[in-house]
Amino acid sequence: MTKKPTIAQSDFEKLDIRTGLIIDAIVFEKAAKPAFKIFIDFGELGILKTSAQITERYTTEELIGNQVIAVVNFPPKQIADFVSDCLLLGVYAPKGVVLLTTTDKTKPGLQVG
């Protein structure tokens, strides 16, 4: 895998990356590839939703209650009959995506930087 092009620090600073708490997760029946609909509490930002193709590694029951890291300032994205408000961050591992999290629980909605 090759390294992506260098970006300016100011480009990175445009991203709003925050901690969130997964409060619900359901199977996304209409997704083209196996996925979940995930609902995440971002504290003062409210509850945002996303679609994630993470069914190889997680079940809906395992996801609920986990703290995750997500980008919250991308424009909404239509996926089948669902609108995604944020993007979960994860690592592409051999057995599926591993979600990024914190080592200690923090308040939902805190900024990553």
C-alpha atoms as a PDB file:
ATOM      1  CA  MET A   1       0.000   0.000   0.000  1.00  0.00           C
ATOM      2  CA  THR A   2       1.388   3.386  -0.952  1.00  0.00           C
ATOM      3  CA  LYS A   3       1.280   6.504   1.161  1.00  0.00           C
ATOM      4  CA  LYS A   4      -1.339   9.070   0.147  1.00  0.00           C
ATOM      5  CA  PRO A   5      -0.250  12.560  -0.983  1.00  0.00           C
ATOM      6  CA  THR A   6       0.863  15.049   1.650  1.00  0.00           C
ATOM      7  CA  ILE A   7      -1.799  17.507   2.786  1.00  0.00           C
ATOM      8  CA  ALA A   8      -1.542  20.770   4.670  1.00  0.00           C
ATOM      9  CA  GLN A   9      -2.217  20.884   8.407  1.00  0.00           C
ATOM     10  CA  SER A  10      -5.032  23.308   7.587  1.00  0.00           C
ATOM     11  CA  ASP A  11      -6.729  20.577   5.502  1.00  0.00           C
ATOM     12  CA  PHE A  12      -6.691  18.176   8.454  1.00  0.00           C
ATOM     13  CA  GLU A  13      -8.042  20.909  10.741  1.00  0.00           C
ATOM     14  CA  LYS A  14     -11.160  21.134   8.554  1.00  0.00           C
ATOM     15  CA  LEU A  15     -12.209  17.660   9.711  1.00  0.00           C
ATOM     16  CA  ASP A  16     -14.490  17.540  12.741  1.00  0.00           C
ATOM     17  CA  ILE A  17     -13.583  14.204  14.343  1.00  0.00           C
ATOM     18  CA  ARG A  18     -15.377  13.323  17.567  1.00  0.00           C
ATOM     19  CA  THR A  19     -16.050  10.616  20.103  1.00  0.00           C
ATOM     20  CA  GLY A  20     -19.484   9.056  20.022  1.00  0.00           C
ATOM     21  CA  LEU A  21     -21.436   6.359  21.844  1.00  0.00           C
ATOM     22  CA  ILE A  22     -23.292   3.753  19.774  1.00  0.00           C
ATOM     23  CA  ILE A  23     -26.864   3.655  21.081  1.00  0.00           C
ATOM     24  CA  ASP A  24     -28.438   1.415  18.442  1.00  0.00           C
ATOM     25  CA  ALA A  25     -27.437  -0.781  15.524  1.00  0.00           C
ATOM     26  CA  ILE A  26     -29.639  -2.723  13.121  1.00  0.00           C
ATOM     27  CA  VAL A  27     -29.073  -4.804   9.991  1.00  0.00           C
ATOM     28  CA  PHE A  28     -29.284  -2.666   6.847  1.00  0.00           C
ATOM     29  CA  GLU A  29     -31.482  -4.901   4.696  1.00  0.00           C
ATOM     30  CA  LYS A  30     -31.357  -2.725   1.541  1.00  0.00           C
ATOM     31  CA  ALA A  31     -27.583  -2.213   1.457  1.00  0.00           C
ATOM     32  CA  ALA A  32     -25.817  -3.568  -1.635  1.00  0.00           C
ATOM     33  CA  LYS A  33     -23.143  -5.170   0.582  1.00  0.00           C
ATOM     34  CA  PRO A  34     -23.764  -6.491   4.129  1.00  0.00           C
ATOM     35  CA  ALA A  35     -23.931  -3.491   6.478  1.00  0.00           C
ATOM     36  CA  PHE A  36     -25.482  -2.071   9.631  1.00  0.00           C
ATOM     37  CA  LYS A  37     -27.405   1.129  10.286  1.00  0.00           C
ATOM     38  CA  ILE A  38     -25.708   2.633  13.342  1.00  0.00           C
ATOM     39  CA  PHE A  39     -27.051   5.412  15.579  1.00  0.00           C
ATOM     40  CA  ILE A  40     -24.437   7.349  17.552  1.00  0.00           C
ATOM     41  CA  ASP A  41     -24.812   9.842  20.415  1.00  0.00           C
ATOM     42  CA  PHE A  42     -22.402  12.766  19.966  1.00  0.00           C
ATOM     43  CA  GLY A  43     -23.459  14.674  23.094  1.00  0.00           C
ATOM     44  CA  GLU A  44     -24.335  18.298  22.302  1.00  0.00           C
ATOM     45  CA  LEU A  45     -24.263  17.526  18.546  1.00  0.00           C
ATOM     46  CA  GLY A  46     -27.117  15.076  19.032  1.00  0.00           C
ATOM     47  CA  ILE A  47     -27.650  11.646  17.556  1.00  0.00           C
ATOM     48  CA  LEU A  48     -26.201  11.033  14.093  1.00  0.00           C
ATOM     49  CA  LYS A  49     -26.546   7.928  11.975  1.00  0.00           C
ATOM     50  CA  THR A  50     -24.312   6.067   9.569  1.00  0.00           C
ATOM     51  CA  SER A  51     -24.117   2.911   7.516  1.00  0.00           C
ATOM     52  CA  ALA A  52     -21.086   0.697   8.053  1.00  0.00           C
ATOM     53  CA  GLN A  53     -19.881  -2.453   6.335  1.00  0.00           C
ATOM     54  CA  ILE A  54     -18.534  -4.029   9.520  1.00  0.00           C
ATOM     55  CA  THR A  55     -20.612  -7.224   9.642  1.00  0.00           C
ATOM     56  CA  GLU A  56     -17.564  -9.515   9.351  1.00  0.00           C
ATOM     57  CA  ARG A  57     -16.246  -8.512  12.767  1.00  0.00           C
ATOM     58  CA  TYR A  58     -19.235  -7.211  14.764  1.00  0.00           C
ATOM     59  CA  THR A  59     -22.846  -8.030  15.593  1.00  0.00           C
ATOM     60  CA  THR A  60     -25.450  -5.378  16.297  1.00  0.00           C
ATOM     61  CA  GLU A  61     -25.548  -6.448  19.950  1.00  0.00           C
ATOM     62  CA  GLU A  62     -21.768  -6.106  20.319  1.00  0.00           C
ATOM     63  CA  LEU A  63     -21.784  -2.582  18.873  1.00  0.00           C
ATOM     64  CA  ILE A  64     -24.309  -1.024  21.258  1.00  0.00           C
ATOM     65  CA  GLY A  65     -22.597   0.762  24.143  1.00  0.00           C
ATOM     66  CA  ASN A  66     -19.217   1.084  22.420  1.00  0.00           C
ATOM     67  CA  GLN A  67     -17.418   4.366  22.091  1.00  0.00           C
ATOM     68  CA  VAL A  68     -16.272   5.143  18.551  1.00  0.00           C
ATOM     69  CA  ILE A  69     -14.482   7.843  16.591  1.00  0.00           C
ATOM     70  CA  ALA A  70     -16.197   9.484  13.603  1.00  0.00           C
ATOM     71  CA  VAL A  71     -16.029  12.406  11.211  1.00  0.00           C
ATOM     72  CA  VAL A  72     -19.166  14.473  11.759  1.00  0.00           C
ATOM     73  CA  ASN A  73     -18.853  17.262   9.183  1.00  0.00           C
ATOM     74  CA  PHE A  74     -19.080  15.445   5.852  1.00  0.00           C
ATOM     75  CA  PRO A  75     -22.223  16.210   3.843  1.00  0.00           C
ATOM     76  CA  PRO A  76     -25.076  13.705   4.215  1.00  0.00           C
ATOM     77  CA  LYS A  77     -24.726  10.655   1.953  1.00  0.00           C
ATOM     78  CA  GLN A  78     -27.689   8.743   0.538  1.00  0.00           C
ATOM     79  CA  ILE A  79     -27.223   4.964   0.738  1.00  0.00           C
ATOM     80  CA  ALA A  80     -30.264   3.110  -0.634  1.00  0.00           C
ATOM     81  CA  ASP A  81     -33.194   4.406   1.481  1.00  0.00           C
ATOM     82  CA  PHE A  82     -30.941   5.684   4.299  1.00  0.00           C
ATOM     83  CA  VAL A  83     -29.075   8.970   4.816  1.00  0.00           C
ATOM     84  CA  SER A  84     -25.690   8.742   6.536  1.00  0.00           C
ATOM     85  CA  ASP A  85     -24.762  11.793   8.684  1.00  0.00           C
ATOM     86  CA  CYS A  86     -21.259  10.810   9.760  1.00  0.00           C
ATOM     87  CA  LEU A  87     -18.376   8.471   8.929  1.00  0.00           C
ATOM     88  CA  LEU A  88     -17.081   5.915  11.419  1.00  0.00           C
ATOM     89  CA  LEU A  89     -13.304   5.541  11.401  1.00  0.00           C
ATOM     90  CA  GLY A  90     -11.676   2.148  11.350  1.00  0.00           C
ATOM     91  CA  VAL A  91      -8.695   0.104  10.267  1.00  0.00           C
ATOM     92  CA  TYR A  92      -8.860  -2.298   7.325  1.00  0.00           C
ATOM     93  CA  ALA A  93      -7.734  -5.567   8.926  1.00  0.00           C
ATOM     94  CA  PRO A  94      -7.580  -9.052   7.347  1.00  0.00           C
ATOM     95  CA  LYS A  95     -10.820 -10.149   9.060  1.00  0.00           C
ATOM     96  CA  GLY A  96     -12.816  -6.964   8.480  1.00  0.00           C
ATOM     97  CA  VAL A  97     -12.786  -3.352   9.633  1.00  0.00           C
ATOM     98  CA  VAL A  98     -11.736  -2.703  13.240  1.00  0.00           C
ATOM     99  CA  LEU A  99     -13.440   0.415  14.604  1.00  0.00           C
ATOM    100  CA  LEU A 100     -11.315   3.132  16.184  1.00  0.00           C
ATOM    101  CA  THR A 101     -12.068   3.857  19.823  1.00  0.00           C
ATOM    102  CA  THR A 102     -10.427   5.380  22.897  1.00  0.00           C
ATOM    103  CA  THR A 103      -8.521   3.523  25.602  1.00  0.00           C
ATOM    104  CA  ASP A 104     -10.618   5.282  28.285  1.00  0.00           C
ATOM    105  CA  LYS A 105     -14.311   6.143  28.075  1.00  0.00           C
ATOM    106  CA  THR A 106     -14.880   9.838  27.448  1.00  0.00           C
ATOM    107  CA  LYS A 107     -17.870  12.091  27.127  1.00  0.00           C
ATOM    108  CA  PRO A 108     -19.666  11.748  23.762  1.00  0.00           C
ATOM    109  CA  GLY A 109     -18.928  14.594  21.356  1.00  0.00           C
ATOM    110  CA  LEU A 110     -15.370  15.435  22.408  1.00  0.00           C
ATOM    111  CA  GLN A 111     -13.116  16.575  19.574  1.00  0.00           C
ATOM    112  CA  VAL A 112     -10.176  14.515  18.370  1.00  0.00           C
ATOM    113  CA  GLY A 113      -7.083  16.469  17.448  1.00  0.00           C
END
